[in-house]
Amino acid sequence: MVNLSLTADPAARDNFARDLEQLVRQRTSGLIRGLRVECQGDEIIVSGRTTTYYAKQLATHAALDACENFALKNSIEVV
């Protein structure tokens, strides 16, 4: 599990985003195209595209498991 307090350190934030992106990719079996995770303030933003709401839900749960103390914005589009 990814665990981090989102500090002002840009390198730590980038590492967290990269680790969380990898976790989401693993949990969704790569079903999210163009997956991107960003840390902005105390918010985690997950974006990309998928063909099912189920994959979007899997991504949400993976991200919530890793960043329970932060706001999560799921901007994944279902197309």
N, C-alpha and C. Protein backbone atom coordinates (compact mmCIF):
# COMPACT_ATOMS: atom_id res chain seq x y z
N MET A 1 0.84 -1.18 0.00
CA MET A 1 0.00 0.00 0.00
C MET A 1 0.89 1.25 0.00
N VAL A 2 0.45 2.24 -0.70
CA VAL A 2 1.16 3.52 -0.75
C VAL A 2 0.76 4.32 0.47
N ASN A 3 1.73 4.95 1.11
CA ASN A 3 1.40 5.75 2.28
C ASN A 3 2.26 7.00 2.26
N LEU A 4 1.63 8.15 2.36
CA LEU A 4 2.38 9.40 2.30
C LEU A 4 1.56 10.52 2.90
N SER A 5 2.23 11.41 3.59
CA SER A 5 1.58 12.67 3.90
C SER A 5 2.02 13.60 2.78
N LEU A 6 1.09 14.27 2.16
CA LEU A 6 1.42 15.08 1.00
C LEU A 6 2.13 16.36 1.44
N THR A 7 3.44 16.28 1.43
CA THR A 7 4.25 17.41 1.87
C THR A 7 4.45 18.37 0.71
N ALA A 8 5.13 19.46 1.00
CA ALA A 8 5.43 20.45 -0.03
C ALA A 8 6.59 20.00 -0.90
N ASP A 9 7.25 18.91 -0.53
CA ASP A 9 8.39 18.41 -1.30
C ASP A 9 7.92 17.86 -2.65
N PRO A 10 8.25 18.54 -3.74
CA PRO A 10 7.78 18.11 -5.07
C PRO A 10 8.24 16.70 -5.43
N ALA A 11 9.44 16.31 -5.04
CA ALA A 11 9.94 14.97 -5.36
C ALA A 11 9.10 13.90 -4.66
N ALA A 12 8.77 14.14 -3.39
CA ALA A 12 7.94 13.18 -2.65
C ALA A 12 6.55 13.07 -3.25
N ARG A 13 6.00 14.20 -3.67
CA ARG A 13 4.67 14.21 -4.29
C ARG A 13 4.70 13.46 -5.62
N ASP A 14 5.74 13.67 -6.40
CA ASP A 14 5.88 12.98 -7.68
C ASP A 14 6.03 11.48 -7.48
N ASN A 15 6.81 11.09 -6.49
CA ASN A 15 6.99 9.66 -6.20
C ASN A 15 5.68 9.04 -5.76
N PHE A 16 4.93 9.75 -4.91
CA PHE A 16 3.64 9.25 -4.45
C PHE A 16 2.70 9.07 -5.64
N ALA A 17 2.63 10.08 -6.50
CA ALA A 17 1.74 10.01 -7.67
C ALA A 17 2.12 8.84 -8.56
N ARG A 18 3.41 8.64 -8.77
CA ARG A 18 3.88 7.54 -9.61
C ARG A 18 3.54 6.18 -8.98
N ASP A 19 3.74 6.05 -7.66
CA ASP A 19 3.42 4.81 -6.97
C ASP A 19 1.92 4.52 -6.99
N LEU A 20 1.13 5.56 -6.78
CA LEU A 20 -0.32 5.40 -6.79
C LEU A 20 -0.81 5.04 -8.19
N GLU A 21 -0.23 5.66 -9.20
CA GLU A 21 -0.59 5.34 -10.58
C GLU A 21 -0.31 3.86 -10.87
N GLN A 22 0.83 3.38 -10.41
CA GLN A 22 1.17 1.97 -10.61
C GLN A 22 0.19 1.06 -9.88
N LEU A 23 -0.20 1.43 -8.67
CA LEU A 23 -1.17 0.65 -7.91
C LEU A 23 -2.51 0.60 -8.63
N VAL A 24 -2.99 1.74 -9.11
CA VAL A 24 -4.27 1.78 -9.83
C VAL A 24 -4.18 0.94 -11.10
N ARG A 25 -3.08 1.04 -11.80
CA ARG A 25 -2.90 0.26 -13.04
C ARG A 25 -2.95 -1.24 -12.73
N GLN A 26 -2.31 -1.66 -11.65
CA GLN A 26 -2.32 -3.08 -11.27
C GLN A 26 -3.71 -3.53 -10.90
N ARG A 27 -4.41 -2.75 -10.08
CA ARG A 27 -5.73 -3.14 -9.60
C ARG A 27 -6.79 -3.14 -10.70
N THR A 28 -6.57 -2.34 -11.74
CA THR A 28 -7.55 -2.28 -12.83
C THR A 28 -7.10 -3.12 -14.03
N SER A 29 -6.01 -3.84 -13.88
CA SER A 29 -5.46 -4.67 -14.96
C SER A 29 -5.23 -3.87 -16.23
N GLY A 30 -4.86 -2.62 -16.08
CA GLY A 30 -4.55 -1.78 -17.23
C GLY A 30 -5.76 -1.32 -18.03
N LEU A 31 -6.96 -1.36 -17.43
CA LEU A 31 -8.17 -0.99 -18.16
C LEU A 31 -8.36 0.51 -18.32
N ILE A 32 -7.52 1.31 -17.66
CA ILE A 32 -7.64 2.77 -17.76
C ILE A 32 -6.59 3.26 -18.76
N ARG A 33 -7.03 3.78 -19.89
CA ARG A 33 -6.13 4.32 -20.91
C ARG A 33 -5.70 5.73 -20.51
N GLY A 34 -4.44 6.04 -20.72
CA GLY A 34 -3.94 7.37 -20.42
C GLY A 34 -4.04 7.71 -18.94
N LEU A 35 -3.89 6.70 -18.09
CA LEU A 35 -4.00 6.90 -16.65
C LEU A 35 -3.00 7.93 -16.17
N ARG A 36 -3.48 8.84 -15.35
CA ARG A 36 -2.62 9.88 -14.78
C ARG A 36 -3.08 10.18 -13.36
N VAL A 37 -2.12 10.29 -12.45
CA VAL A 37 -2.40 10.65 -11.06
C VAL A 37 -1.62 11.91 -10.75
N GLU A 38 -2.32 12.91 -10.20
CA GLU A 38 -1.69 14.18 -9.85
C GLU A 38 -2.02 14.53 -8.41
N CYS A 39 -1.07 15.18 -7.75
CA CYS A 39 -1.28 15.69 -6.39
C CYS A 39 -1.37 17.20 -6.48
N GLN A 40 -2.51 17.75 -6.09
CA GLN A 40 -2.70 19.21 -6.09
C GLN A 40 -3.24 19.62 -4.74
N GLY A 41 -2.40 20.29 -3.97
CA GLY A 41 -2.80 20.67 -2.62
C GLY A 41 -3.03 19.42 -1.80
N ASP A 42 -4.20 19.30 -1.17
CA ASP A 42 -4.52 18.10 -0.40
C ASP A 42 -5.47 17.19 -1.18
N GLU A 43 -5.45 17.32 -2.49
CA GLU A 43 -6.34 16.54 -3.35
C GLU A 43 -5.53 15.66 -4.30
N ILE A 44 -6.01 14.44 -4.48
CA ILE A 44 -5.43 13.50 -5.43
C ILE A 44 -6.40 13.43 -6.61
N ILE A 45 -5.88 13.63 -7.83
CA ILE A 45 -6.73 13.60 -9.02
C ILE A 45 -6.29 12.43 -9.89
N VAL A 46 -7.24 11.56 -10.18
CA VAL A 46 -7.00 10.40 -11.04
C VAL A 46 -7.77 10.64 -12.32
N SER A 47 -7.07 10.54 -13.46
CA SER A 47 -7.74 10.78 -14.74
C SER A 47 -7.32 9.74 -15.77
N GLY A 48 -8.08 9.66 -16.83
CA GLY A 48 -7.84 8.72 -17.92
C GLY A 48 -9.17 8.38 -18.57
N ARG A 49 -9.18 7.31 -19.34
CA ARG A 49 -10.40 6.87 -20.03
C ARG A 49 -10.55 5.36 -19.91
N THR A 50 -11.78 4.92 -19.84
CA THR A 50 -12.08 3.50 -19.81
C THR A 50 -13.42 3.25 -20.48
N THR A 51 -13.73 2.00 -20.72
CA THR A 51 -14.98 1.67 -21.38
C THR A 51 -16.06 1.19 -20.42
N THR A 52 -15.71 1.02 -19.13
CA THR A 52 -16.71 0.53 -18.18
C THR A 52 -16.70 1.33 -16.88
N TYR A 53 -17.87 1.44 -16.28
CA TYR A 53 -17.96 2.08 -14.97
C TYR A 53 -17.31 1.19 -13.91
N TYR A 54 -17.28 -0.11 -14.15
CA TYR A 54 -16.63 -1.03 -13.22
C TYR A 54 -15.15 -0.71 -13.09
N ALA A 55 -14.47 -0.47 -14.21
CA ALA A 55 -13.04 -0.12 -14.17
C ALA A 55 -12.83 1.20 -13.43
N LYS A 56 -13.73 2.15 -13.64
CA LYS A 56 -13.64 3.43 -12.93
C LYS A 56 -13.80 3.20 -11.43
N GLN A 57 -14.72 2.33 -11.05
CA GLN A 57 -14.94 2.02 -9.64
C GLN A 57 -13.72 1.33 -9.04
N LEU A 58 -13.12 0.40 -9.78
CA LEU A 58 -11.89 -0.26 -9.30
C LEU A 58 -10.79 0.77 -9.05
N ALA A 59 -10.65 1.72 -9.95
CA ALA A 59 -9.63 2.76 -9.80
C ALA A 59 -9.91 3.60 -8.56
N THR A 60 -11.17 3.92 -8.33
CA THR A 60 -11.54 4.70 -7.15
C THR A 60 -11.16 3.97 -5.88
N HIS A 61 -11.51 2.70 -5.80
CA HIS A 61 -11.21 1.93 -4.59
C HIS A 61 -9.71 1.76 -4.37
N ALA A 62 -8.96 1.55 -5.43
CA ALA A 62 -7.51 1.43 -5.30
C ALA A 62 -6.92 2.73 -4.76
N ALA A 63 -7.35 3.85 -5.30
CA ALA A 63 -6.83 5.15 -4.88
C ALA A 63 -7.26 5.46 -3.44
N LEU A 64 -8.49 5.17 -3.09
CA LEU A 64 -8.97 5.45 -1.74
C LEU A 64 -8.22 4.61 -0.70
N ASP A 65 -7.89 3.38 -1.04
CA ASP A 65 -7.14 2.53 -0.13
C ASP A 65 -5.78 3.14 0.19
N ALA A 66 -5.20 3.81 -0.78
CA ALA A 66 -3.84 4.34 -0.63
C ALA A 66 -3.80 5.74 -0.04
N CYS A 67 -4.85 6.50 -0.20
CA CYS A 67 -4.80 7.91 0.23
C CYS A 67 -6.04 8.28 1.02
N GLU A 68 -6.32 7.52 2.05
CA GLU A 68 -7.55 7.71 2.81
C GLU A 68 -7.64 9.04 3.53
N ASN A 69 -6.53 9.71 3.77
CA ASN A 69 -6.56 10.99 4.49
C ASN A 69 -6.67 12.20 3.57
N PHE A 70 -6.85 11.98 2.29
CA PHE A 70 -6.88 13.08 1.33
C PHE A 70 -8.13 13.01 0.47
N ALA A 71 -8.51 14.14 -0.08
CA ALA A 71 -9.65 14.19 -0.98
C ALA A 71 -9.26 13.53 -2.30
N LEU A 72 -10.17 12.77 -2.86
CA LEU A 72 -9.92 12.10 -4.13
C LEU A 72 -10.90 12.63 -5.17
N LYS A 73 -10.40 13.02 -6.30
CA LYS A 73 -11.23 13.44 -7.42
C LYS A 73 -10.99 12.44 -8.54
N ASN A 74 -12.01 11.68 -8.90
CA ASN A 74 -11.89 10.71 -9.98
C ASN A 74 -12.42 11.35 -11.25
N SER A 75 -11.51 11.73 -12.14
CA SER A 75 -11.86 12.36 -13.41
C SER A 75 -11.77 11.39 -14.57
N ILE A 76 -11.82 10.09 -14.28
CA ILE A 76 -11.76 9.10 -15.34
C ILE A 76 -13.05 9.15 -16.14
N GLU A 77 -12.91 9.24 -17.46
CA GLU A 77 -14.06 9.29 -18.35
C GLU A 77 -14.43 7.87 -18.79
N VAL A 78 -15.72 7.59 -18.82
CA VAL A 78 -16.21 6.32 -19.35
C VAL A 78 -16.74 6.62 -20.74
N VAL A 79 -16.11 6.01 -21.74
CA VAL A 79 -16.49 6.25 -23.13
C VAL A 79 -16.89 4.99 -23.83
